[in-house]
Each structure stands twice: as structure tokens, then as C-alpha cells.
Amino acid sequence: MDKVFLDKYVPRVWELYLAQAEESMKEGALSKKIKELIGTAISISMHCEPCVKIHLRRAIKAGASAQEISEMVGVAIMLCGGTAEVWARRIVETEIKNLGRKNALVSSHKSK
């Protein structure tokens, strides 16, 4: 994670935050993919666009499919109402399209 003003003014707080975040997202009874999908759903409910992007990209990297992501968004919408759908649609659609482009690039490099 990039340094922020907390790192400069209260470095111990920032250090503890990063350690807690790292520990929370480790593989355990829940896989990293599931934890990142949960993080994405919570981020949608909080309307934190940077958080959605971070957790969604990590979920994709951990193996989340477009179908799994779509079902997670459905749960977030069910819990948060229609505003979550309107707000999240643009971000999630963009990231899924980017996933498709990345997969196409990986496939083209593997075939060479």
C-alpha cells in the first residue's frame, strides 16, 4: 500500500493498520478470494470507489470469475438496495472488461 500522511505523522498507527490488514486477508478457513469478495461487497456498501477497485482487483488476481463477482454484487445490492447497483455497476463492469482484456493478453503471450 502506498504511503499516506498517516505514515508521516503517526507512523506506528499506519504500521499497525497495515499489519492488521495483511493478517486479516491471509489464507485461512476462508480463501483469499472469498475474503477479497467480502471486502469488495463491504466497499460497495460504503461507496468507497478506491476500496472497490483494490479489493476487486485482488479478488480477480486470487481467481474470482466474472460470475462470482456478479453474484457478490447481487448480494451487496440485496443488502444495500438499488443505490448499490447504480453506484457499483460502472466500476464492476469496467473491472470485468479489464479482466477479459488481461486474459486475452495472457492467452496471446502463451500461444507465442
PDB file of N, CA and C in Angstrom:
ATOM      1  N   MET A   1       0.843  -1.183   0.000  1.00  0.00           N
ATOM      2  CA  MET A   1       0.000   0.000   0.000  1.00  0.00           C
ATOM      3  C   MET A   1       0.885   1.243   0.000  1.00  0.00           C
ATOM      4  N   ASP A   2       0.467   2.257  -0.727  1.00  0.00           N
ATOM      5  CA  ASP A   2       1.240   3.495  -0.786  1.00  0.00           C
ATOM      6  C   ASP A   2       1.239   4.199   0.554  1.00  0.00           C
ATOM      7  N   LYS A   3       2.300   4.961   0.773  1.00  0.00           N
ATOM      8  CA  LYS A   3       2.386   5.759   1.995  1.00  0.00           C
ATOM      9  C   LYS A   3       1.373   6.898   1.921  1.00  0.00           C
ATOM     10  N   VAL A   4       0.855   7.253   3.055  1.00  0.00           N
ATOM     11  CA  VAL A   4      -0.096   8.365   3.150  1.00  0.00           C
ATOM     12  C   VAL A   4       0.346   9.267   4.289  1.00  0.00           C
ATOM     13  N   PHE A   5      -0.390  10.335   4.511  1.00  0.00           N
ATOM     14  CA  PHE A   5       0.014  11.277   5.553  1.00  0.00           C
ATOM     15  C   PHE A   5       0.142  10.615   6.921  1.00  0.00           C
ATOM     16  N   LEU A   6      -0.624   9.560   7.191  1.00  0.00           N
ATOM     17  CA  LEU A   6      -0.514   8.881   8.483  1.00  0.00           C
ATOM     18  C   LEU A   6       0.892   8.338   8.697  1.00  0.00           C
ATOM     19  N   ASP A   7       1.503   7.876   7.614  1.00  0.00           N
ATOM     20  CA  ASP A   7       2.858   7.336   7.717  1.00  0.00           C
ATOM     21  C   ASP A   7       3.831   8.393   8.223  1.00  0.00           C
ATOM     22  N   LYS A   8       3.603   9.625   7.829  1.00  0.00           N
ATOM     23  CA  LYS A   8       4.490  10.718   8.239  1.00  0.00           C
ATOM     24  C   LYS A   8       4.220  11.165   9.673  1.00  0.00           C
ATOM     25  N   TYR A   9       2.954  11.303  10.028  1.00  0.00           N
ATOM     26  CA  TYR A   9       2.604  11.909  11.316  1.00  0.00           C
ATOM     27  C   TYR A   9       2.389  10.908  12.450  1.00  0.00           C
ATOM     28  N   VAL A  10       1.850   9.763  12.121  1.00  0.00           N
ATOM     29  CA  VAL A  10       1.639   8.722  13.137  1.00  0.00           C
ATOM     30  C   VAL A  10       2.057   7.368  12.549  1.00  0.00           C
ATOM     31  N   PRO A  11       3.348   7.196  12.344  1.00  0.00           N
ATOM     32  CA  PRO A  11       3.826   6.002  11.651  1.00  0.00           C
ATOM     33  C   PRO A  11       3.443   4.690  12.341  1.00  0.00           C
ATOM     34  N   ARG A  12       3.386   4.694  13.648  1.00  0.00           N
ATOM     35  CA  ARG A  12       3.025   3.453  14.357  1.00  0.00           C
ATOM     36  C   ARG A  12       1.574   3.067  14.053  1.00  0.00           C
ATOM     37  N   VAL A  13       0.679   4.043  13.994  1.00  0.00           N
ATOM     38  CA  VAL A  13      -0.732   3.765  13.659  1.00  0.00           C
ATOM     39  C   VAL A  13      -0.810   3.151  12.265  1.00  0.00           C
ATOM     40  N   TRP A  14      -0.095   3.749  11.310  1.00  0.00           N
ATOM     41  CA  TRP A  14      -0.108   3.247   9.933  1.00  0.00           C
ATOM     42  C   TRP A  14       0.479   1.844   9.872  1.00  0.00           C
ATOM     43  N   GLU A  15       1.583   1.614  10.582  1.00  0.00           N
ATOM     44  CA  GLU A  15       2.226   0.303  10.615  1.00  0.00           C
ATOM     45  C   GLU A  15       1.268  -0.757  11.169  1.00  0.00           C
ATOM     46  N   LEU A  16       0.579  -0.436  12.241  1.00  0.00           N
ATOM     47  CA  LEU A  16      -0.368  -1.383  12.836  1.00  0.00           C
ATOM     48  C   LEU A  16      -1.564  -1.634  11.921  1.00  0.00           C
ATOM     49  N   TYR A  17      -2.023  -0.589  11.241  1.00  0.00           N
ATOM     50  CA  TYR A  17      -3.128  -0.752  10.286  1.00  0.00           C
ATOM     51  C   TYR A  17      -2.717  -1.727   9.175  1.00  0.00           C
ATOM     52  N   LEU A  18      -1.534  -1.516   8.599  1.00  0.00           N
ATOM     53  CA  LEU A  18      -1.073  -2.392   7.524  1.00  0.00           C
ATOM     54  C   LEU A  18      -0.902  -3.830   7.999  1.00  0.00           C
ATOM     55  N   ALA A  19      -0.382  -4.017   9.211  1.00  0.00           N
ATOM     56  CA  ALA A  19      -0.207  -5.361   9.767  1.00  0.00           C
ATOM     57  C   ALA A  19      -1.565  -6.036   9.976  1.00  0.00           C
ATOM     58  N   GLN A  20      -2.526  -5.281  10.481  1.00  0.00           N
ATOM     59  CA  GLN A  20      -3.870  -5.829  10.685  1.00  0.00           C
ATOM     60  C   GLN A  20      -4.511  -6.199   9.355  1.00  0.00           C
ATOM     61  N   ALA A  21      -4.360  -5.339   8.356  1.00  0.00           N
ATOM     62  CA  ALA A  21      -4.926  -5.608   7.032  1.00  0.00           C
ATOM     63  C   ALA A  21      -4.299  -6.860   6.426  1.00  0.00           C
ATOM     64  N   GLU A  22      -2.992  -6.980   6.528  1.00  0.00           N
ATOM     65  CA  GLU A  22      -2.291  -8.148   5.982  1.00  0.00           C
ATOM     66  C   GLU A  22      -2.735  -9.426   6.683  1.00  0.00           C
ATOM     67  N   GLU A  23      -2.807  -9.386   7.999  1.00  0.00           N
ATOM     68  CA  GLU A  23      -3.210 -10.566   8.769  1.00  0.00           C
ATOM     69  C   GLU A  23      -4.643 -10.977   8.446  1.00  0.00           C
ATOM     70  N   SER A  24      -5.525 -10.005   8.305  1.00  0.00           N
ATOM     71  CA  SER A  24      -6.940 -10.276   8.036  1.00  0.00           C
ATOM     72  C   SER A  24      -7.162 -10.961   6.697  1.00  0.00           C
ATOM     73  N   MET A  25      -6.303 -10.678   5.726  1.00  0.00           N
ATOM     74  CA  MET A  25      -6.530 -11.182   4.373  1.00  0.00           C
ATOM     75  C   MET A  25      -5.739 -12.448   4.048  1.00  0.00           C
ATOM     76  N   LYS A  26      -5.020 -13.000   5.025  1.00  0.00           N
ATOM     77  CA  LYS A  26      -4.276 -14.235   4.789  1.00  0.00           C
ATOM     78  C   LYS A  26      -5.230 -15.398   4.551  1.00  0.00           C
ATOM     79  N   GLU A  27      -4.741 -16.397   3.820  1.00  0.00           N
ATOM     80  CA  GLU A  27      -5.497 -17.634   3.641  1.00  0.00           C
ATOM     81  C   GLU A  27      -5.799 -18.227   5.004  1.00  0.00           C
ATOM     82  N   GLY A  28      -6.980 -18.746   5.164  1.00  0.00           N
ATOM     83  CA  GLY A  28      -7.382 -19.386   6.410  1.00  0.00           C
ATOM     84  C   GLY A  28      -8.581 -20.260   6.128  1.00  0.00           C
ATOM     85  N   ALA A  29      -9.535 -20.279   7.042  1.00  0.00           N
ATOM     86  CA  ALA A  29     -10.770 -21.021   6.793  1.00  0.00           C
ATOM     87  C   ALA A  29     -11.477 -20.454   5.569  1.00  0.00           C
ATOM     88  N   LEU A  30     -11.312 -19.152   5.353  1.00  0.00           N
ATOM     89  CA  LEU A  30     -11.808 -18.513   4.126  1.00  0.00           C
ATOM     90  C   LEU A  30     -10.618 -18.263   3.216  1.00  0.00           C
ATOM     91  N   SER A  31     -10.807 -18.534   1.945  1.00  0.00           N
ATOM     92  CA  SER A  31      -9.729 -18.293   0.986  1.00  0.00           C
ATOM     93  C   SER A  31      -9.532 -16.794   0.793  1.00  0.00           C
ATOM     94  N   LYS A  32      -8.378 -16.438   0.271  1.00  0.00           N
ATOM     95  CA  LYS A  32      -8.087 -15.040  -0.034  1.00  0.00           C
ATOM     96  C   LYS A  32      -9.126 -14.496  -1.024  1.00  0.00           C
ATOM     97  N   LYS A  33      -9.520 -15.306  -1.990  1.00  0.00           N
ATOM     98  CA  LYS A  33     -10.526 -14.889  -2.975  1.00  0.00           C
ATOM     99  C   LYS A  33     -11.835 -14.514  -2.288  1.00  0.00           C
ATOM    100  N   ILE A  34     -12.296 -15.357  -1.390  1.00  0.00           N
ATOM    101  CA  ILE A  34     -13.555 -15.089  -0.681  1.00  0.00           C
ATOM    102  C   ILE A  34     -13.418 -13.834   0.177  1.00  0.00           C
ATOM    103  N   LYS A  35     -12.291 -13.700   0.866  1.00  0.00           N
ATOM    104  CA  LYS A  35     -12.081 -12.506   1.694  1.00  0.00           C
ATOM    105  C   LYS A  35     -12.088 -11.237   0.853  1.00  0.00           C
ATOM    106  N   GLU A  36     -11.484 -11.281  -0.326  1.00  0.00           N
ATOM    107  CA  GLU A  36     -11.470 -10.102  -1.194  1.00  0.00           C
ATOM    108  C   GLU A  36     -12.856  -9.818  -1.767  1.00  0.00           C
ATOM    109  N   LEU A  37     -13.631 -10.861  -2.049  1.00  0.00           N
ATOM    110  CA  LEU A  37     -15.017 -10.643  -2.490  1.00  0.00           C
ATOM    111  C   LEU A  37     -15.840 -10.006  -1.369  1.00  0.00           C
ATOM    112  N   ILE A  38     -15.624 -10.445  -0.144  1.00  0.00           N
ATOM    113  CA  ILE A  38     -16.293  -9.831   1.004  1.00  0.00           C
ATOM    114  C   ILE A  38     -15.865  -8.362   1.122  1.00  0.00           C
ATOM    115  N   GLY A  39     -14.568  -8.121   1.005  1.00  0.00           N
ATOM    116  CA  GLY A  39     -14.057  -6.749   1.057  1.00  0.00           C
ATOM    117  C   GLY A  39     -14.673  -5.880  -0.031  1.00  0.00           C
ATOM    118  N   THR A  40     -14.855  -6.447  -1.217  1.00  0.00           N
ATOM    119  CA  THR A  40     -15.475  -5.703  -2.309  1.00  0.00           C
ATOM    120  C   THR A  40     -16.926  -5.371  -1.981  1.00  0.00           C
ATOM    121  N   ALA A  41     -17.662  -6.346  -1.467  1.00  0.00           N
ATOM    122  CA  ALA A  41     -19.070  -6.107  -1.121  1.00  0.00           C
ATOM    123  C   ALA A  41     -19.199  -5.025  -0.048  1.00  0.00           C
ATOM    124  N   ILE A  42     -18.366  -5.083   0.947  1.00  0.00           N
ATOM    125  CA  ILE A  42     -18.402  -4.062   2.000  1.00  0.00           C
ATOM    126  C   ILE A  42     -18.029  -2.705   1.417  1.00  0.00           C
ATOM    127  N   SER A  43     -17.047  -2.679   0.539  1.00  0.00           N
ATOM    128  CA  SER A  43     -16.635  -1.423  -0.095  1.00  0.00           C
ATOM    129  C   SER A  43     -17.763  -0.831  -0.930  1.00  0.00           C
ATOM    130  N   ILE A  44     -18.521  -1.691  -1.627  1.00  0.00           N
ATOM    131  CA  ILE A  44     -19.685  -1.217  -2.383  1.00  0.00           C
ATOM    132  C   ILE A  44     -20.684  -0.589  -1.427  1.00  0.00           C
ATOM    133  N   SER A  45     -20.939  -1.269  -0.310  1.00  0.00           N
ATOM    134  CA  SER A  45     -21.926  -0.745   0.639  1.00  0.00           C
ATOM    135  C   SER A  45     -21.491   0.582   1.252  1.00  0.00           C
ATOM    136  N   MET A  46     -20.177   0.798   1.329  1.00  0.00           N
ATOM    137  CA  MET A  46     -19.646   2.036   1.896  1.00  0.00           C
ATOM    138  C   MET A  46     -19.407   3.116   0.835  1.00  0.00           C
ATOM    139  N   HIS A  47     -19.669   2.766  -0.428  1.00  0.00           N
ATOM    140  CA  HIS A  47     -19.455   3.694  -1.561  1.00  0.00           C
ATOM    141  C   HIS A  47     -18.014   4.201  -1.614  1.00  0.00           C
ATOM    142  N   CYS A  48     -17.074   3.303  -1.369  1.00  0.00           N
ATOM    143  CA  CYS A  48     -15.654   3.654  -1.409  1.00  0.00           C
ATOM    144  C   CYS A  48     -15.071   3.134  -2.719  1.00  0.00           C
ATOM    145  N   GLU A  49     -15.077   3.974  -3.745  1.00  0.00           N
ATOM    146  CA  GLU A  49     -14.620   3.543  -5.067  1.00  0.00           C
ATOM    147  C   GLU A  49     -13.185   3.025  -5.061  1.00  0.00           C
ATOM    148  N   PRO A  50     -12.228   3.724  -4.448  1.00  0.00           N
ATOM    149  CA  PRO A  50     -10.865   3.161  -4.440  1.00  0.00           C
ATOM    150  C   PRO A  50     -10.808   1.794  -3.754  1.00  0.00           C
ATOM    151  N   CYS A  51     -11.594   1.631  -2.692  1.00  0.00           N
ATOM    152  CA  CYS A  51     -11.621   0.351  -1.976  1.00  0.00           C
ATOM    153  C   CYS A  51     -12.196  -0.750  -2.865  1.00  0.00           C
ATOM    154  N   VAL A  52     -13.283  -0.431  -3.593  1.00  0.00           N
ATOM    155  CA  VAL A  52     -13.879  -1.415  -4.506  1.00  0.00           C
ATOM    156  C   VAL A  52     -12.832  -1.867  -5.511  1.00  0.00           C
ATOM    157  N   LYS A  53     -12.145  -0.907  -6.111  1.00  0.00           N
ATOM    158  CA  LYS A  53     -11.149  -1.253  -7.128  1.00  0.00           C
ATOM    159  C   LYS A  53     -10.031  -2.112  -6.557  1.00  0.00           C
ATOM    160  N   ILE A  54      -9.531  -1.745  -5.393  1.00  0.00           N
ATOM    161  CA  ILE A  54      -8.435  -2.508  -4.773  1.00  0.00           C
ATOM    162  C   ILE A  54      -8.878  -3.944  -4.494  1.00  0.00           C
ATOM    163  N   HIS A  55     -10.017  -4.109  -3.803  1.00  0.00           N
ATOM    164  CA  HIS A  55     -10.450  -5.453  -3.416  1.00  0.00           C
ATOM    165  C   HIS A  55     -10.917  -6.267  -4.616  1.00  0.00           C
ATOM    166  N   LEU A  56     -11.544  -5.618  -5.587  1.00  0.00           N
ATOM    167  CA  LEU A  56     -11.995  -6.331  -6.777  1.00  0.00           C
ATOM    168  C   LEU A  56     -10.797  -6.829  -7.584  1.00  0.00           C
ATOM    169  N   ARG A  57      -9.794  -6.005  -7.753  1.00  0.00           N
ATOM    170  CA  ARG A  57      -8.589  -6.429  -8.479  1.00  0.00           C
ATOM    171  C   ARG A  57      -7.885  -7.563  -7.751  1.00  0.00           C
ATOM    172  N   ARG A  58      -7.844  -7.484  -6.434  1.00  0.00           N
ATOM    173  CA  ARG A  58      -7.219  -8.567  -5.662  1.00  0.00           C
ATOM    174  C   ARG A  58      -8.044  -9.853  -5.762  1.00  0.00           C
ATOM    175  N   ALA A  59      -9.376  -9.726  -5.771  1.00  0.00           N
ATOM    176  CA  ALA A  59     -10.237 -10.904  -5.912  1.00  0.00           C
ATOM    177  C   ALA A  59     -10.013 -11.561  -7.271  1.00  0.00           C
ATOM    178  N   ILE A  60      -9.920 -10.742  -8.314  1.00  0.00           N
ATOM    179  CA  ILE A  60      -9.660 -11.267  -9.658  1.00  0.00           C
ATOM    180  C   ILE A  60      -8.302 -11.959  -9.687  1.00  0.00           C
ATOM    181  N   LYS A  61      -7.305 -11.327  -9.102  1.00  0.00           N
ATOM    182  CA  LYS A  61      -5.964 -11.923  -9.052  1.00  0.00           C
ATOM    183  C   LYS A  61      -5.990 -13.252  -8.296  1.00  0.00           C
ATOM    184  N   ALA A  62      -6.862 -13.350  -7.290  1.00  0.00           N
ATOM    185  CA  ALA A  62      -6.977 -14.584  -6.497  1.00  0.00           C
ATOM    186  C   ALA A  62      -7.845 -15.631  -7.190  1.00  0.00           C
ATOM    187  N   GLY A  63      -8.369 -15.296  -8.394  1.00  0.00           N
ATOM    188  CA  GLY A  63      -9.108 -16.296  -9.161  1.00  0.00           C
ATOM    189  C   GLY A  63     -10.609 -16.090  -9.262  1.00  0.00           C
ATOM    190  N   ALA A  64     -11.130 -14.970  -8.785  1.00  0.00           N
ATOM    191  CA  ALA A  64     -12.575 -14.736  -8.871  1.00  0.00           C
ATOM    192  C   ALA A  64     -12.998 -14.589 -10.335  1.00  0.00           C
ATOM    193  N   SER A  65     -14.069 -15.258 -10.685  1.00  0.00           N
ATOM    194  CA  SER A  65     -14.593 -15.183 -12.053  1.00  0.00           C
ATOM    195  C   SER A  65     -15.612 -14.049 -12.162  1.00  0.00           C
ATOM    196  N   ALA A  66     -15.957 -13.700 -13.388  1.00  0.00           N
ATOM    197  CA  ALA A  66     -16.983 -12.686 -13.610  1.00  0.00           C
ATOM    198  C   ALA A  66     -18.306 -13.128 -12.990  1.00  0.00           C
ATOM    199  N   GLN A  67     -18.608 -14.423 -13.043  1.00  0.00           N
ATOM    200  CA  GLN A  67     -19.848 -14.940 -12.448  1.00  0.00           C
ATOM    201  C   GLN A  67     -19.835 -14.771 -10.931  1.00  0.00           C
ATOM    202  N   GLU A  68     -18.731 -15.111 -10.288  1.00  0.00           N
ATOM    203  CA  GLU A  68     -18.629 -14.950  -8.834  1.00  0.00           C
ATOM    204  C   GLU A  68     -18.743 -13.482  -8.442  1.00  0.00           C
ATOM    205  N   ILE A  69     -18.093 -12.624  -9.201  1.00  0.00           N
ATOM    206  CA  ILE A  69     -18.154 -11.190  -8.919  1.00  0.00           C
ATOM    207  C   ILE A  69     -19.582 -10.685  -9.069  1.00  0.00           C
ATOM    208  N   SER A  70     -20.259 -11.110 -10.127  1.00  0.00           N
ATOM    209  CA  SER A  70     -21.641 -10.677 -10.359  1.00  0.00           C
ATOM    210  C   SER A  70     -22.563 -11.138  -9.237  1.00  0.00           C
ATOM    211  N   GLU A  71     -22.378 -12.369  -8.759  1.00  0.00           N
ATOM    212  CA  GLU A  71     -23.205 -12.863  -7.654  1.00  0.00           C
ATOM    213  C   GLU A  71     -22.924 -12.084  -6.379  1.00  0.00           C
ATOM    214  N   MET A  72     -21.664 -11.730  -6.135  1.00  0.00           N
ATOM    215  CA  MET A  72     -21.319 -10.920  -4.966  1.00  0.00           C
ATOM    216  C   MET A  72     -22.002  -9.565  -5.039  1.00  0.00           C
ATOM    217  N   VAL A  73     -21.994  -8.961  -6.235  1.00  0.00           N
ATOM    218  CA  VAL A  73     -22.667  -7.667  -6.400  1.00  0.00           C
ATOM    219  C   VAL A  73     -24.158  -7.829  -6.135  1.00  0.00           C
ATOM    220  N   GLY A  74     -24.736  -8.936  -6.566  1.00  0.00           N
ATOM    221  CA  GLY A  74     -26.153  -9.196  -6.295  1.00  0.00           C
ATOM    222  C   GLY A  74     -26.454  -9.232  -4.808  1.00  0.00           C
ATOM    223  N   VAL A  75     -25.577  -9.838  -4.040  1.00  0.00           N
ATOM    224  CA  VAL A  75     -25.759  -9.880  -2.581  1.00  0.00           C
ATOM    225  C   VAL A  75     -25.648  -8.468  -2.001  1.00  0.00           C
ATOM    226  N   ALA A  76     -24.654  -7.702  -2.464  1.00  0.00           N
ATOM    227  CA  ALA A  76     -24.495  -6.328  -1.975  1.00  0.00           C
ATOM    228  C   ALA A  76     -25.734  -5.499  -2.292  1.00  0.00           C
ATOM    229  N   ILE A  77     -26.290  -5.671  -3.486  1.00  0.00           N
ATOM    230  CA  ILE A  77     -27.495  -4.932  -3.876  1.00  0.00           C
ATOM    231  C   ILE A  77     -28.675  -5.339  -2.993  1.00  0.00           C
ATOM    232  N   MET A  78     -28.802  -6.646  -2.750  1.00  0.00           N
ATOM    233  CA  MET A  78     -29.899  -7.128  -1.921  1.00  0.00           C
ATOM    234  C   MET A  78     -29.826  -6.515  -0.527  1.00  0.00           C
ATOM    235  N   LEU A  79     -28.621  -6.392   0.018  1.00  0.00           N
ATOM    236  CA  LEU A  79     -28.461  -5.857   1.363  1.00  0.00           C
ATOM    237  C   LEU A  79     -28.518  -4.334   1.418  1.00  0.00           C
ATOM    238  N   CYS A  80     -28.086  -3.678   0.346  1.00  0.00           N
ATOM    239  CA  CYS A  80     -27.970  -2.210   0.358  1.00  0.00           C
ATOM    240  C   CYS A  80     -29.041  -1.506  -0.463  1.00  0.00           C
ATOM    241  N   GLY A  81     -29.789  -2.243  -1.234  1.00  0.00           N
ATOM    242  CA  GLY A  81     -30.814  -1.621  -2.061  1.00  0.00           C
ATOM    243  C   GLY A  81     -30.278  -1.188  -3.410  1.00  0.00           C
ATOM    244  N   GLY A  82     -31.158  -0.601  -4.182  1.00  0.00           N
ATOM    245  CA  GLY A  82     -30.852  -0.223  -5.555  1.00  0.00           C
ATOM    246  C   GLY A  82     -29.714   0.752  -5.708  1.00  0.00           C
ATOM    247  N   THR A  83     -29.477   1.585  -4.703  1.00  0.00           N
ATOM    248  CA  THR A  83     -28.386   2.555  -4.841  1.00  0.00           C
ATOM    249  C   THR A  83     -27.048   1.853  -5.010  1.00  0.00           C
ATOM    250  N   ALA A  84     -26.874   0.679  -4.408  1.00  0.00           N
ATOM    251  CA  ALA A  84     -25.625  -0.066  -4.563  1.00  0.00           C
ATOM    252  C   ALA A  84     -25.450  -0.511  -6.011  1.00  0.00           C
ATOM    253  N   GLU A  85     -26.548  -0.917  -6.651  1.00  0.00           N
ATOM    254  CA  GLU A  85     -26.459  -1.370  -8.042  1.00  0.00           C
ATOM    255  C   GLU A  85     -26.048  -0.228  -8.959  1.00  0.00           C
ATOM    256  N   VAL A  86     -26.722   0.896  -8.816  1.00  0.00           N
ATOM    257  CA  VAL A  86     -26.418   2.049  -9.658  1.00  0.00           C
ATOM    258  C   VAL A  86     -24.983   2.483  -9.450  1.00  0.00           C
ATOM    259  N   TRP A  87     -24.565   2.552  -8.222  1.00  0.00           N
ATOM    260  CA  TRP A  87     -23.227   3.027  -7.893  1.00  0.00           C
ATOM    261  C   TRP A  87     -22.151   2.043  -8.335  1.00  0.00           C
ATOM    262  N   ALA A  88     -22.368   0.746  -8.100  1.00  0.00           N
ATOM    263  CA  ALA A  88     -21.331  -0.260  -8.356  1.00  0.00           C
ATOM    264  C   ALA A  88     -21.237  -0.685  -9.813  1.00  0.00           C
ATOM    265  N   ARG A  89     -22.312  -0.555 -10.564  1.00  0.00           N
ATOM    266  CA  ARG A  89     -22.365  -1.084 -11.934  1.00  0.00           C
ATOM    267  C   ARG A  89     -21.176  -0.613 -12.774  1.00  0.00           C
ATOM    268  N   ARG A  90     -20.929   0.678 -12.793  1.00  0.00           N
ATOM    269  CA  ARG A  90     -19.871   1.242 -13.638  1.00  0.00           C
ATOM    270  C   ARG A  90     -18.497   0.680 -13.250  1.00  0.00           C
ATOM    271  N   ILE A  91     -18.217   0.638 -11.970  1.00  0.00           N
ATOM    272  CA  ILE A  91     -16.903   0.183 -11.508  1.00  0.00           C
ATOM    273  C   ILE A  91     -16.715  -1.302 -11.816  1.00  0.00           C
ATOM    274  N   VAL A  92     -17.714  -2.118 -11.475  1.00  0.00           N
ATOM    275  CA  VAL A  92     -17.595  -3.566 -11.644  1.00  0.00           C
ATOM    276  C   VAL A  92     -17.528  -3.929 -13.127  1.00  0.00           C
ATOM    277  N   GLU A  93     -18.369  -3.314 -13.958  1.00  0.00           N
ATOM    278  CA  GLU A  93     -18.333  -3.610 -15.391  1.00  0.00           C
ATOM    279  C   GLU A  93     -16.962  -3.278 -15.980  1.00  0.00           C
ATOM    280  N   THR A  94     -16.389  -2.162 -15.586  1.00  0.00           N
ATOM    281  CA  THR A  94     -15.067  -1.772 -16.085  1.00  0.00           C
ATOM    282  C   THR A  94     -14.013  -2.790 -15.680  1.00  0.00           C
ATOM    283  N   GLU A  95     -14.032  -3.220 -14.421  1.00  0.00           N
ATOM    284  CA  GLU A  95     -13.032  -4.173 -13.952  1.00  0.00           C
ATOM    285  C   GLU A  95     -13.192  -5.538 -14.619  1.00  0.00           C
ATOM    286  N   ILE A  96     -14.431  -5.981 -14.859  1.00  0.00           N
ATOM    287  CA  ILE A  96     -14.657  -7.260 -15.544  1.00  0.00           C
ATOM    288  C   ILE A  96     -14.166  -7.168 -16.982  1.00  0.00           C
ATOM    289  N   LYS A  97     -14.421  -6.030 -17.643  1.00  0.00           N
ATOM    290  CA  LYS A  97     -13.905  -5.846 -19.012  1.00  0.00           C
ATOM    291  C   LYS A  97     -12.386  -5.870 -19.002  1.00  0.00           C
ATOM    292  N   ASN A  98     -11.774  -5.221 -18.025  1.00  0.00           N
ATOM    293  CA  ASN A  98     -10.314  -5.240 -17.909  1.00  0.00           C
ATOM    294  C   ASN A  98      -9.808  -6.662 -17.689  1.00  0.00           C
ATOM    295  N   LEU A  99     -10.535  -7.457 -16.912  1.00  0.00           N
ATOM    296  CA  LEU A  99     -10.172  -8.859 -16.681  1.00  0.00           C
ATOM    297  C   LEU A  99     -10.155  -9.597 -18.013  1.00  0.00           C
ATOM    298  N   GLY A 100     -11.160  -9.360 -18.852  1.00  0.00           N
ATOM    299  CA  GLY A 100     -11.210 -10.001 -20.168  1.00  0.00           C
ATOM    300  C   GLY A 100     -10.035  -9.610 -21.031  1.00  0.00           C
ATOM    301  N   ARG A 101      -9.665  -8.328 -21.009  1.00  0.00           N
ATOM    302  CA  ARG A 101      -8.511  -7.862 -21.794  1.00  0.00           C
ATOM    303  C   ARG A 101      -7.221  -8.502 -21.282  1.00  0.00           C
ATOM    304  N   LYS A 102      -7.088  -8.583 -19.953  1.00  0.00           N
ATOM    305  CA  LYS A 102      -5.879  -9.178 -19.376  1.00  0.00           C
ATOM    306  C   LYS A 102      -5.787 -10.658 -19.739  1.00  0.00           C
ATOM    307  N   ASN A 103      -6.920 -11.362 -19.675  1.00  0.00           N
ATOM    308  CA  ASN A 103      -6.925 -12.781 -20.033  1.00  0.00           C
ATOM    309  C   ASN A 103      -6.567 -12.965 -21.496  1.00  0.00           C
ATOM    310  N   ALA A 104      -7.055 -12.078 -22.362  1.00  0.00           N
ATOM    311  CA  ALA A 104      -6.723 -12.146 -23.785  1.00  0.00           C
ATOM    312  C   ALA A 104      -5.236 -11.905 -23.994  1.00  0.00           C
ATOM    313  N   LEU A 105      -4.663 -10.974 -23.255  1.00  0.00           N
ATOM    314  CA  LEU A 105      -3.225 -10.708 -23.376  1.00  0.00           C
ATOM    315  C   LEU A 105      -2.405 -11.904 -22.904  1.00  0.00           C
ATOM    316  N   VAL A 106      -2.826 -12.490 -21.782  1.00  0.00           N
ATOM    317  CA  VAL A 106      -2.104 -13.656 -21.254  1.00  0.00           C
ATOM    318  C   VAL A 106      -2.184 -14.802 -22.254  1.00  0.00           C
ATOM    319  N   SER A 107      -3.368 -15.039 -22.831  1.00  0.00           N
ATOM    320  CA  SER A 107      -3.543 -16.116 -23.800  1.00  0.00           C
ATOM    321  C   SER A 107      -2.688 -15.889 -25.033  1.00  0.00           C
ATOM    322  N   SER A 108      -2.623 -14.648 -25.509  1.00  0.00           N
ATOM    323  CA  SER A 108      -1.837 -14.377 -26.709  1.00  0.00           C
ATOM    324  C   SER A 108      -0.343 -14.551 -26.444  1.00  0.00           C
ATOM    325  N   HIS A 109       0.097 -14.234 -25.228  1.00  0.00           N
ATOM    326  CA  HIS A 109       1.512 -14.429 -24.893  1.00  0.00           C
ATOM    327  C   HIS A 109       1.852 -15.901 -24.729  1.00  0.00           C
ATOM    328  N   LYS A 110       0.909 -16.688 -24.223  1.00  0.00           N
ATOM    329  CA  LYS A 110       1.146 -18.119 -24.026  1.00  0.00           C
ATOM    330  C   LYS A 110       1.219 -18.855 -25.364  1.00  0.00           C
ATOM    331  N   SER A 111       0.478 -18.376 -26.356  1.00  0.00           N
ATOM    332  CA  SER A 111       0.446 -19.063 -27.635  1.00  0.00           C
ATOM    333  C   SER A 111       1.653 -18.760 -28.508  1.00  0.00           C
ATOM    334  N   LYS A 112       2.469 -17.798 -28.092  1.00  0.00           N
ATOM    335  CA  LYS A 112       3.664 -17.445 -28.895  1.00  0.00           C
ATOM    336  C   LYS A 112       4.833 -18.326 -28.576  1.00  0.00           C
TER     337      LYS A 112
END
